[in-house]
C-alpha cells in the first residue's frame, strides 16, 4: 500500500506549509479537508527495460480553486485565500512523500501497511461512521460502519 505512505507524506508536506490541520486520509487514496476532497493520489508500478521495479506516485491537489459541485475544497480556502506558491507546494509535497515512503520502505514489515498503519489510522476519515463502499461504476458493494483499515490495506466495515 504505497498509496498510504504517499498519502501520509502529502499530509506531512501540507503540515509543513501550515495547511494540513484539518486534513484527513480517505481510504484508499484521497485527502479530505473539512469533509471535502482536497487531493487525490495515484500510484503506478512497473518494470524498467532491465526488469527493475519502480513506482510513480502522482498527486493532484486543488490549489486555487475547486469544483464545489463535486464536493471539493482548495488550499486557498484552507489558507484564507493565500495558497502556497506552486514551487513551495511541490517542494513540501516531494519532501514529505520521499521521507514517508523512505521510512515505510525501511520498516521491513511483511504486510503492506507495516510501518505506517498506526499513523494512517490516526488520520483516517470517517472511522466509526456509517459508509458505503461502491464499485467503479457507482453501484453499492457494501455498507456499514468503517471500523479500521487492516494491515493489508483493506477497509473493514461492520455490518449494520
Foldseek 3Di string as FASTA:
>chain_A
DLLLLLVQLLLQLCVVVVQNPQWFDEPPFFIDGPRFTFKGKDKDWDADPVRHIDIDIDMDGAAQDDPVVRRHDHSCVSVVNDGDDPVSSVVSSVVSSVVSSVQQVPQPDPANCPRPQVVNFVRYPQAQHWDFDADPVGHTDAIAHFHGQDSNRRTDGDHD
